[in-house]
Amino acid sequence: MSRLTRRQLLENSLIAATAALAGRAVPTAARAVENTSPNERLNVAVVGVRGQGRSHLHAYARRRDTLVTYVCDADAEVGQSRADEVEKIQGFRPRFVQDVRELLDDAEVHLVSTATPNHWHALVSIWAMQAGKDVYVEKPCSHNVSEGRRMVEAARKYGRICQIGTQCRSMAATRAAIEYVHSGKIGQVKLARGLCYKPRGSIGPRGIYAVPSSVDYNLWLGPAPQRPLERPNLHYDWHWIWDYGNGDLGNQGIHQMDIARWGLGLDRLSNAVFSYGGRLGYQDAGETANTQVIYHDYGDRTLVFEVRGLATDSLQGAKVGVIFEGSEGYVVLWGYDAGAAYDLQGNQLTSFTGGGDHFDNFLAAVRSRRPEDLHADILEGHLSSALCHLGNISYRLGTSLPLAEMPRVLDSSDEVQDTFERFRQHLADNQLPLEQLEVVVGPHLAFDPQAEQFIDHPGANELLSREYRPPFVVPPAGQV
């Protein structure tokens, strides 16, 4: 069946599908109350359901205007269990499939919502949009910079609604805080500091481990290279392996990176990036940094990001949050739904509280067909995800340097030196042997934000994309 035919069938199936579903016995007691009629119900396929995907399933299954009709996961045991859960909530058992391609040709699937490992995000989303589906994709939206731009191209080419799961953009507290920053009430803001202070332990030694028998490993790998399982746990710990994840910078930190860029009023990538850090405090199968500092240079503004995977104190009350430093005060967001503004003396000026429903915003935009109604359109997701990827590229191209030599290679500005001193003290507080410690110091990489390419650095440009394992290939520019 051609893509055009699938898209035509999608539009024609809305009335037919909802009429068919209207006759199903779907209990409403466990469902949230929406403003839309059940006769406008949309069918949802959720792909990748072990972790965050489970929250997707529950969100859609409890609504009166959506019905989960497919559960898809490479792990059959997990997928079948989730289908059981959904049936209990919505009174209708969704079909379970392991291969996402089995559901894409079903014209009665209107939405694809995906929480796969990062290396699958772009391909699931692009395939779904090519098949005429709207998409909700978890953060980071991409595994590398090129993938994010291809997702934007696909959304625009096929006229699809594509939301990234940076749900802080739908939180009342975050939205009020950003409005406050933009209002000028803390003066001129030239620096935003994102924090991901989230201790993580060792994931165990590197080795060759058995893949769970319930997992189709070929489908799990998808676009990634064929290689054995080299960590004790297949699930979740992929975050710390470059082939599949992006470290905590791309796992938790993408939320705070996104808020920082949003607050600074930046709608492009940076002019240059620099990173240093390491996987410190233990040796394990992990590859990504657990302690890292990233600088994004925007000329008149700077975005600083700090990742700490060891035990740590908070900074200005925040551990997973964002700090905006203004000429007349500062704003601290210390959670998804809480924050406050202060004057330069530390006196609180106002507070920000309140949550929100990111899925509700997505569905409202699906119905309006207006991407501008989204709180986190795929373009916003691409830019913020790419800032994480750029920081990791500098880190991955780095060389080891004794910690004691770091001050001389860093910029002499107070901010840079103070951030490093806190970095050093953090390691000392964790009783690491500072005199023997080496840190990976990445190169300062100049970047062209319009072309989304590094300037005069072929090695860095190679890391903007990856080699794909056929047939799981993300199409190149202009071919989505």
Protein backbone atom coordinates (compact mmCIF):
# COMPACT_ATOMS: atom_id res chain seq x y z
CA MET A 1 0.00 0.00 0.00
CA SER A 2 1.43 3.40 -0.93
CA ARG A 3 2.03 6.18 1.60
CA LEU A 4 -0.48 8.41 -0.14
CA THR A 5 -3.15 5.76 0.08
CA ARG A 6 -2.45 5.24 3.78
CA ARG A 7 -2.80 8.94 4.42
CA GLN A 8 -6.07 9.11 2.51
CA LEU A 9 -7.39 6.12 4.41
CA LEU A 10 -6.37 7.72 7.70
CA GLU A 11 -8.46 10.81 7.05
CA ASN A 12 -11.41 8.73 5.82
CA SER A 13 -11.17 6.30 8.74
CA LEU A 14 -11.76 8.80 11.55
CA ILE A 15 -15.55 8.66 11.24
CA ALA A 16 -15.67 4.95 10.50
CA ALA A 17 -13.31 4.05 13.35
CA THR A 18 -15.11 6.11 15.96
CA ALA A 19 -18.46 4.70 14.86
CA ALA A 20 -17.13 1.18 15.28
CA LEU A 21 -15.63 1.97 18.67
CA ALA A 22 -18.80 3.61 19.89
CA GLY A 23 -20.40 0.19 20.04
CA ARG A 24 -17.67 -1.31 22.25
CA ALA A 25 -18.26 -1.68 25.95
CA VAL A 26 -15.61 0.66 27.32
CA PRO A 27 -16.01 1.37 31.05
CA THR A 28 -15.72 5.05 31.91
CA ALA A 29 -15.37 4.95 35.70
CA ALA A 30 -11.57 4.75 35.60
CA ARG A 31 -11.19 7.37 32.89
CA ALA A 32 -10.48 11.07 33.15
CA VAL A 33 -13.16 13.48 31.98
CA GLU A 34 -12.36 15.37 28.78
CA ASN A 35 -14.11 18.21 27.03
CA THR A 36 -14.37 16.29 23.76
CA SER A 37 -17.04 13.82 22.75
CA PRO A 38 -16.29 10.07 22.85
CA ASN A 39 -17.48 10.05 19.23
CA GLU A 40 -14.20 11.80 18.38
CA ARG A 41 -12.12 9.02 19.91
CA LEU A 42 -8.62 8.52 18.50
CA ASN A 43 -6.82 5.18 18.28
CA VAL A 44 -3.32 5.05 19.76
CA ALA A 45 -0.40 2.67 19.29
CA VAL A 46 2.20 2.86 22.07
CA VAL A 47 5.69 1.66 21.12
CA GLY A 48 8.21 0.80 23.84
CA VAL A 49 6.27 0.17 27.04
CA ARG A 50 8.59 -1.09 29.77
CA GLY A 51 9.43 2.23 31.47
CA GLN A 52 8.08 5.63 30.50
CA GLY A 53 5.89 3.95 27.89
CA ARG A 54 3.80 2.52 30.69
CA SER A 55 2.80 6.07 31.67
CA HIS A 56 1.82 6.66 28.03
CA LEU A 57 -0.43 3.61 28.11
CA HIS A 58 -2.15 4.66 31.32
CA ALA A 59 -2.57 8.24 30.13
CA TYR A 60 -4.36 7.24 26.92
CA ALA A 61 -6.27 4.27 28.37
CA ARG A 62 -7.85 6.39 31.10
CA ARG A 63 -9.18 8.99 28.71
CA ARG A 64 -12.61 8.92 27.09
CA ASP A 65 -11.36 10.36 23.79
CA THR A 66 -8.51 7.89 23.12
CA LEU A 67 -8.30 4.12 22.89
CA VAL A 68 -5.07 2.11 22.99
CA THR A 69 -5.40 -0.35 20.11
CA TYR A 70 -1.75 -1.54 19.87
CA VAL A 71 1.00 -2.26 22.35
CA CYS A 72 4.42 -2.73 20.72
CA ASP A 73 7.65 -3.81 22.39
CA ALA A 74 10.64 -5.95 21.44
CA ASP A 75 10.20 -7.74 24.79
CA ALA A 76 7.13 -9.98 24.42
CA GLU A 77 6.86 -10.63 28.15
CA VAL A 78 6.74 -6.91 28.93
CA GLY A 79 4.40 -6.15 26.02
CA GLN A 80 1.85 -8.84 26.84
CA SER A 81 1.85 -7.79 30.50
CA ARG A 82 1.17 -4.18 29.53
CA ALA A 83 -1.66 -5.27 27.20
CA ASP A 84 -3.21 -7.02 30.21
CA GLU A 85 -2.96 -3.80 32.25
CA VAL A 86 -4.54 -1.71 29.52
CA GLU A 87 -7.44 -4.12 29.10
CA LYS A 88 -8.29 -3.76 32.79
CA ILE A 89 -8.34 0.03 32.47
CA GLN A 90 -10.19 0.56 29.20
CA GLY A 91 -12.18 -2.67 28.85
CA PHE A 92 -10.68 -3.48 25.45
CA ARG A 93 -7.51 -5.50 24.96
CA PRO A 94 -5.05 -3.90 22.54
CA ARG A 95 -3.25 -6.06 20.03
CA PHE A 96 0.36 -6.83 20.98
CA VAL A 97 3.10 -6.80 18.31
CA GLN A 98 6.88 -6.87 18.60
CA ASP A 99 7.62 -5.16 15.28
CA VAL A 100 6.41 -1.57 14.87
CA ARG A 101 6.11 -2.08 11.11
CA GLU A 102 3.12 -4.37 11.70
CA LEU A 103 0.98 -1.50 12.96
CA LEU A 104 2.02 1.29 10.59
CA ASP A 105 -0.15 0.08 7.70
CA ASP A 106 -3.25 0.01 9.88
CA ALA A 107 -5.21 3.07 8.77
CA GLU A 108 -7.28 2.93 11.95
CA VAL A 109 -4.22 3.87 14.02
CA HIS A 110 -4.29 7.65 14.29
CA LEU A 111 -1.50 8.30 16.79
CA VAL A 112 1.84 6.69 17.58
CA SER A 113 3.24 7.40 21.04
CA THR A 114 6.76 6.13 21.61
CA ALA A 115 9.07 5.65 24.58
CA THR A 116 11.61 3.26 23.08
CA PRO A 117 15.33 3.52 23.83
CA ASN A 118 16.79 6.69 22.33
CA HIS A 119 18.34 5.04 19.29
CA TRP A 120 14.84 4.12 18.04
CA HIS A 121 13.11 7.48 18.63
CA ALA A 122 13.74 9.05 15.23
CA LEU A 123 13.02 5.99 13.11
CA VAL A 124 9.73 5.13 14.84
CA SER A 125 8.63 8.76 14.52
CA ILE A 126 9.62 9.20 10.88
CA TRP A 127 8.08 5.88 9.82
CA ALA A 128 4.88 6.80 11.65
CA MET A 129 4.65 10.25 10.06
CA GLN A 130 5.30 8.77 6.62
CA ALA A 131 2.37 6.43 7.31
CA GLY A 132 0.10 9.38 8.13
CA LYS A 133 0.19 9.15 11.93
CA ASP A 134 0.66 11.96 14.44
CA VAL A 135 3.44 11.33 16.93
CA TYR A 136 4.27 11.85 20.59
CA VAL A 137 7.96 10.97 21.06
CA GLU A 138 9.86 10.81 24.31
CA LYS A 139 12.90 12.91 25.06
CA PRO A 140 15.46 13.25 23.70
CA CYS A 141 13.65 13.18 20.38
CA SER A 142 16.80 11.97 18.63
CA HIS A 143 19.94 9.95 19.20
CA ASN A 144 22.06 12.38 17.17
CA VAL A 145 21.77 15.87 15.68
CA SER A 146 20.94 14.83 12.11
CA GLU A 147 18.04 12.64 13.24
CA GLY A 148 16.31 15.56 14.93
CA ARG A 149 16.41 17.69 11.80
CA ARG A 150 15.07 14.77 9.73
CA MET A 151 12.15 14.50 12.15
CA VAL A 152 11.34 18.18 11.65
CA GLU A 153 11.48 17.66 7.88
CA ALA A 154 9.11 14.70 8.10
CA ALA A 155 6.59 16.53 10.27
CA ARG A 156 6.46 19.46 7.88
CA LYS A 157 6.45 17.37 4.69
CA TYR A 158 3.60 15.10 5.80
CA GLY A 159 1.67 17.73 7.73
CA ARG A 160 1.83 15.76 10.98
CA ILE A 161 1.60 16.87 14.60
CA CYS A 162 4.75 15.80 16.48
CA GLN A 163 5.22 16.51 20.18
CA ILE A 164 8.36 15.75 22.21
CA GLY A 165 7.93 14.56 25.78
CA THR A 166 9.57 17.52 27.51
CA GLN A 167 6.54 17.82 29.75
CA CYS A 168 7.94 20.73 31.75
CA ARG A 169 6.74 22.90 28.86
CA SER A 170 3.18 22.10 29.93
CA MET A 171 3.81 22.72 33.65
CA ALA A 172 2.20 25.88 35.00
CA ALA A 173 5.19 26.57 37.27
CA THR A 174 7.71 26.37 34.44
CA ARG A 175 5.61 28.45 32.08
CA ALA A 176 5.12 31.17 34.71
CA ALA A 177 8.83 31.19 35.56
CA ILE A 178 9.85 31.56 31.92
CA GLU A 179 7.33 34.38 31.46
CA TYR A 180 8.83 36.07 34.52
CA VAL A 181 12.37 35.75 33.12
CA HIS A 182 11.26 37.11 29.75
CA SER A 183 9.45 40.04 31.42
CA GLY A 184 12.75 41.58 32.53
CA LYS A 185 11.88 41.50 36.22
CA ILE A 186 15.31 40.08 37.09
CA GLY A 187 17.03 42.36 34.60
CA GLN A 188 19.16 41.21 31.70
CA VAL A 189 19.74 37.46 31.72
CA LYS A 190 22.97 36.39 30.09
CA LEU A 191 23.50 33.03 31.76
CA ALA A 192 21.32 29.99 32.37
CA ARG A 193 22.61 27.00 34.33
CA GLY A 194 20.98 23.60 33.93
CA LEU A 195 21.49 21.02 36.67
CA CYS A 196 21.21 17.25 36.56
CA TYR A 197 22.43 16.29 40.02
CA LYS A 198 21.10 12.74 40.03
CA PRO A 199 23.31 10.09 41.67
CA ARG A 200 23.62 6.84 39.71
CA GLY A 201 25.43 3.71 40.79
CA SER A 202 27.55 1.25 38.85
CA ILE A 203 25.73 -0.83 36.22
CA GLY A 204 28.06 -3.79 36.75
CA PRO A 205 31.13 -5.08 34.93
CA ARG A 206 31.57 -5.29 31.19
CA GLY A 207 31.20 -8.80 29.83
CA ILE A 208 29.09 -10.93 27.51
CA TYR A 209 25.60 -11.55 28.88
CA ALA A 210 22.56 -13.51 27.74
CA VAL A 211 19.72 -11.54 26.17
CA PRO A 212 16.38 -12.33 27.88
CA SER A 213 14.56 -15.06 25.95
CA SER A 214 11.44 -12.90 25.65
CA VAL A 215 13.33 -10.25 23.66
CA ASP A 216 13.68 -10.10 19.87
CA TYR A 217 17.22 -8.72 20.02
CA ASN A 218 17.33 -7.89 16.31
CA LEU A 219 14.32 -5.62 16.78
CA TRP A 220 15.70 -4.21 20.04
CA LEU A 221 18.95 -3.22 18.28
CA GLY A 222 17.16 -1.80 15.24
CA PRO A 223 19.33 1.02 13.82
CA ALA A 224 22.27 0.22 16.14
CA PRO A 225 25.24 -1.98 15.23
CA GLN A 226 25.04 -5.73 15.71
CA ARG A 227 26.92 -6.39 18.95
CA PRO A 228 26.42 -8.69 21.93
CA LEU A 229 24.87 -7.60 25.21
CA GLU A 230 27.88 -6.34 27.19
CA ARG A 231 26.16 -5.18 30.40
CA PRO A 232 24.26 -7.22 32.99
CA ASN A 233 20.88 -5.54 32.35
CA LEU A 234 19.50 -5.08 28.84
CA HIS A 235 16.79 -2.68 29.95
CA TYR A 236 17.35 0.87 31.19
CA ASP A 237 21.16 0.62 31.47
CA TRP A 238 21.34 1.22 27.71
CA HIS A 239 21.22 4.91 28.69
CA TRP A 240 24.93 4.74 29.53
CA ILE A 241 26.04 3.07 26.26
CA TRP A 242 26.75 5.38 23.28
CA ASP A 243 25.17 3.09 20.67
CA TYR A 244 21.75 3.45 22.33
CA GLY A 245 21.75 6.31 24.84
CA ASN A 246 23.16 9.77 25.50
CA GLY A 247 24.05 9.59 29.19
CA ASP A 248 22.16 11.56 31.80
CA LEU A 249 22.66 14.67 29.70
CA GLY A 250 20.18 13.18 27.21
CA ASN A 251 18.15 11.21 29.74
CA GLN A 252 17.21 13.57 32.57
CA GLY A 253 19.20 16.61 31.47
CA ILE A 254 17.28 17.21 28.25
CA HIS A 255 14.40 18.59 30.33
CA GLN A 256 16.60 21.18 32.01
CA MET A 257 18.56 21.91 28.82
CA ASP A 258 15.26 22.68 27.12
CA ILE A 259 14.10 25.02 29.89
CA ALA A 260 17.46 26.82 29.92
CA ARG A 261 17.38 27.45 26.17
CA TRP A 262 13.72 28.51 26.36
CA GLY A 263 14.39 30.98 29.16
CA LEU A 264 17.32 32.51 27.30
CA GLY A 265 15.02 33.10 24.33
CA LEU A 266 17.21 31.14 21.90
CA ASP A 267 15.68 29.50 18.82
CA ARG A 268 18.88 28.09 17.32
CA LEU A 269 21.92 26.04 18.22
CA SER A 270 25.04 27.61 19.71
CA ASN A 271 28.10 29.19 18.10
CA ALA A 272 30.50 26.89 19.96
CA VAL A 273 30.52 24.08 22.52
CA PHE A 274 33.00 22.76 25.06
CA SER A 275 32.76 19.95 27.60
CA TYR A 276 34.82 18.20 30.26
CA GLY A 277 34.17 15.40 32.74
CA GLY A 278 34.40 11.65 33.06
CA ARG A 279 32.89 8.42 34.30
CA LEU A 280 34.31 8.79 37.77
CA GLY A 281 34.08 6.99 41.10
CA TYR A 282 33.75 3.45 39.77
CA GLN A 283 34.56 1.28 36.75
CA ASP A 284 31.72 -0.52 35.03
CA ALA A 285 30.21 -1.37 31.66
CA GLY A 286 29.01 2.21 31.17
CA GLU A 287 30.57 4.49 28.55
CA THR A 288 28.93 7.88 29.05
CA ALA A 289 30.08 10.53 31.52
CA ASN A 290 28.55 10.52 34.99
CA THR A 291 30.18 13.84 35.89
CA GLN A 292 30.24 16.51 33.19
CA VAL A 293 30.21 20.24 32.49
CA ILE A 294 29.08 21.68 29.14
CA TYR A 295 29.35 25.24 27.87
CA HIS A 296 27.30 26.54 24.96
CA ASP A 297 28.48 29.89 23.63
CA TYR A 298 25.78 32.07 22.07
CA GLY A 299 27.87 35.23 21.88
CA ASP A 300 25.94 37.53 24.21
CA ARG A 301 24.49 34.63 26.24
CA THR A 302 25.85 31.44 27.76
CA LEU A 303 24.19 28.16 28.62
CA VAL A 304 26.06 26.06 31.20
CA PHE A 305 25.06 22.52 32.05
CA GLU A 306 26.26 20.34 34.92
CA VAL A 307 25.77 16.59 35.31
CA ARG A 308 26.63 14.93 38.63
CA GLY A 309 26.09 11.20 39.00
CA LEU A 310 27.75 10.95 42.41
CA ALA A 311 26.37 12.06 45.78
CA THR A 312 26.07 15.85 45.83
CA ASP A 313 24.62 18.84 47.59
CA SER A 314 22.13 21.12 45.84
CA LEU A 315 22.95 24.46 44.25
CA GLN A 316 20.69 27.30 45.37
CA GLY A 317 18.19 24.70 46.47
CA ALA A 318 18.12 22.83 43.16
CA LYS A 319 19.45 19.42 42.20
CA VAL A 320 17.43 18.74 39.05
CA GLY A 321 16.56 22.22 37.87
CA VAL A 322 17.56 25.46 36.18
CA ILE A 323 18.98 28.75 37.44
CA PHE A 324 18.63 31.98 35.45
CA GLU A 325 21.12 34.65 36.52
CA GLY A 326 19.94 38.20 35.84
CA SER A 327 21.47 41.63 36.42
CA GLU A 328 18.80 42.41 39.05
CA GLY A 329 18.02 38.98 40.48
CA TYR A 330 17.72 35.31 39.69
CA VAL A 331 15.11 32.60 39.14
CA VAL A 332 15.49 29.03 40.38
CA LEU A 333 13.38 26.12 39.18
CA TRP A 334 14.05 23.26 41.59
CA GLY A 335 11.46 20.85 40.22
CA TYR A 336 8.97 20.26 37.43
CA ASP A 337 6.25 22.19 39.23
CA ALA A 338 8.00 24.53 41.67
CA GLY A 339 10.38 27.47 41.65
CA ALA A 340 10.91 31.03 42.83
CA ALA A 341 12.44 34.41 41.93
CA TYR A 342 14.89 36.29 44.15
CA ASP A 343 16.59 39.66 44.23
CA LEU A 344 20.38 39.92 44.30
CA GLN A 345 20.36 39.80 48.12
CA GLY A 346 18.50 36.48 48.12
CA ASN A 347 15.12 37.83 49.15
CA GLN A 348 12.25 35.92 47.56
CA LEU A 349 10.20 38.03 45.16
CA THR A 350 7.60 35.48 44.07
CA SER A 351 7.07 31.74 43.69
CA PHE A 352 5.92 29.51 40.85
CA THR A 353 3.80 26.40 41.36
CA GLY A 354 1.53 24.14 39.36
CA GLY A 355 1.58 21.15 37.06
CA GLY A 356 0.04 20.38 33.68
CA ASP A 357 -0.98 17.68 31.20
CA HIS A 358 1.40 17.32 28.27
CA PHE A 359 -0.67 14.57 26.64
CA ASP A 360 -3.72 16.81 26.78
CA ASN A 361 -1.82 19.54 24.95
CA PHE A 362 -0.71 17.02 22.30
CA LEU A 363 -4.25 15.80 21.70
CA ALA A 364 -5.61 19.34 21.50
CA ALA A 365 -3.09 20.09 18.74
CA VAL A 366 -3.97 16.83 16.95
CA ARG A 367 -7.57 18.00 16.81
CA SER A 368 -6.78 21.60 15.81
CA ARG A 369 -4.16 20.47 13.21
CA ARG A 370 -2.05 23.46 14.31
CA PRO A 371 1.59 22.64 15.23
CA GLU A 372 1.79 26.06 16.85
CA ASP A 373 -0.68 24.84 19.50
CA LEU A 374 1.94 22.37 20.76
CA HIS A 375 3.92 23.31 23.84
CA ALA A 376 6.84 21.17 22.60
CA ASP A 377 6.77 20.96 18.81
CA ILE A 378 9.39 18.71 17.23
CA LEU A 379 11.48 21.75 16.22
CA GLU A 380 11.85 22.76 19.89
CA GLY A 381 12.65 19.15 20.71
CA HIS A 382 15.28 18.95 17.99
CA LEU A 383 17.08 22.10 19.13
CA SER A 384 17.22 21.16 22.81
CA SER A 385 18.14 17.53 22.11
CA ALA A 386 20.87 18.68 19.73
CA LEU A 387 22.41 20.87 22.45
CA CYS A 388 22.83 17.70 24.52
CA HIS A 389 24.34 15.85 21.56
CA LEU A 390 26.78 18.68 20.82
CA GLY A 391 28.01 18.65 24.41
CA ASN A 392 28.56 14.90 24.21
CA ILE A 393 30.44 15.25 20.93
CA SER A 394 32.98 17.59 22.53
CA TYR A 395 33.34 15.16 25.42
CA ARG A 396 33.75 12.12 23.17
CA LEU A 397 36.52 13.83 21.20
CA GLY A 398 38.37 14.78 24.38
CA THR A 399 41.66 13.65 25.85
CA SER A 400 42.55 12.81 29.44
CA LEU A 401 44.25 15.47 31.54
CA PRO A 402 45.29 15.45 35.22
CA LEU A 403 42.69 17.27 37.30
CA ALA A 404 45.37 19.55 38.71
CA GLU A 405 46.14 20.91 35.24
CA MET A 406 42.55 21.82 34.45
CA PRO A 407 42.58 25.46 35.67
CA ARG A 408 45.27 26.43 33.17
CA VAL A 409 43.38 25.06 30.15
CA LEU A 410 40.08 26.67 31.10
CA ASP A 411 38.94 30.20 30.38
CA SER A 412 40.14 32.54 33.12
CA SER A 413 36.74 34.12 33.72
CA ASP A 414 35.33 33.95 37.22
CA GLU A 415 32.29 31.95 36.16
CA VAL A 416 34.30 29.23 34.40
CA GLN A 417 36.83 28.96 37.22
CA ASP A 418 34.13 28.95 39.91
CA THR A 419 32.21 26.19 38.11
CA PHE A 420 35.38 24.11 37.88
CA GLU A 421 36.17 24.67 41.56
CA ARG A 422 32.72 23.37 42.50
CA PHE A 423 33.33 20.43 40.13
CA ARG A 424 36.64 19.70 41.88
CA GLN A 425 35.13 20.05 45.35
CA HIS A 426 32.32 17.69 44.39
CA LEU A 427 34.88 15.02 43.53
CA ALA A 428 36.74 15.69 46.78
CA ASP A 429 33.49 15.36 48.75
CA ASN A 430 33.11 11.89 47.22
CA GLN A 431 36.62 11.03 48.45
CA LEU A 432 38.10 10.53 45.01
CA PRO A 433 41.93 10.71 44.92
CA LEU A 434 42.27 14.14 43.29
CA GLU A 435 46.07 13.96 42.89
CA GLN A 436 45.68 10.82 40.77
CA LEU A 437 42.49 11.75 38.98
CA GLU A 438 42.31 12.40 35.25
CA VAL A 439 39.44 14.20 33.51
CA VAL A 440 38.43 14.06 29.86
CA VAL A 441 38.76 17.56 28.34
CA GLY A 442 36.99 18.05 25.05
CA PRO A 443 37.98 20.51 22.32
CA HIS A 444 36.33 23.91 21.88
CA LEU A 445 34.26 23.26 18.76
CA ALA A 446 33.08 26.14 16.59
CA PHE A 447 29.64 25.52 15.13
CA ASP A 448 27.49 26.95 12.35
CA PRO A 449 23.93 26.98 13.78
CA GLN A 450 22.32 27.66 10.39
CA ALA A 451 24.02 24.77 8.58
CA GLU A 452 24.03 22.67 11.78
CA GLN A 453 27.60 21.66 11.07
CA PHE A 454 30.89 22.05 12.92
CA ILE A 455 33.37 24.46 11.37
CA ASP A 456 36.63 22.89 10.14
CA HIS A 457 36.31 19.71 12.19
CA PRO A 458 35.47 16.62 10.08
CA GLY A 459 35.77 14.31 13.08
CA ALA A 460 33.10 16.19 14.98
CA ASN A 461 30.84 16.32 11.93
CA GLU A 462 31.00 12.52 11.63
CA LEU A 463 29.37 12.31 15.06
CA LEU A 464 26.38 14.41 13.95
CA SER A 465 24.94 11.22 12.47
CA ARG A 466 25.74 7.51 12.52
CA GLU A 467 25.91 4.43 10.31
CA TYR A 468 22.58 2.61 10.30
CA ARG A 469 22.02 -1.14 10.19
CA PRO A 470 19.72 -1.98 7.27
CA PRO A 471 16.78 -2.03 7.04
CA PHE A 472 16.56 0.26 10.08
CA VAL A 473 17.85 3.34 8.30
CA VAL A 474 16.95 6.94 9.12
CA PRO A 475 16.74 8.66 5.73
CA PRO A 476 19.27 11.40 4.94
CA ALA A 477 18.46 15.07 4.36
CA GLY A 478 15.83 15.65 1.68
CA GLN A 479 14.78 12.00 1.55
CA VAL A 480 12.27 11.67 4.36
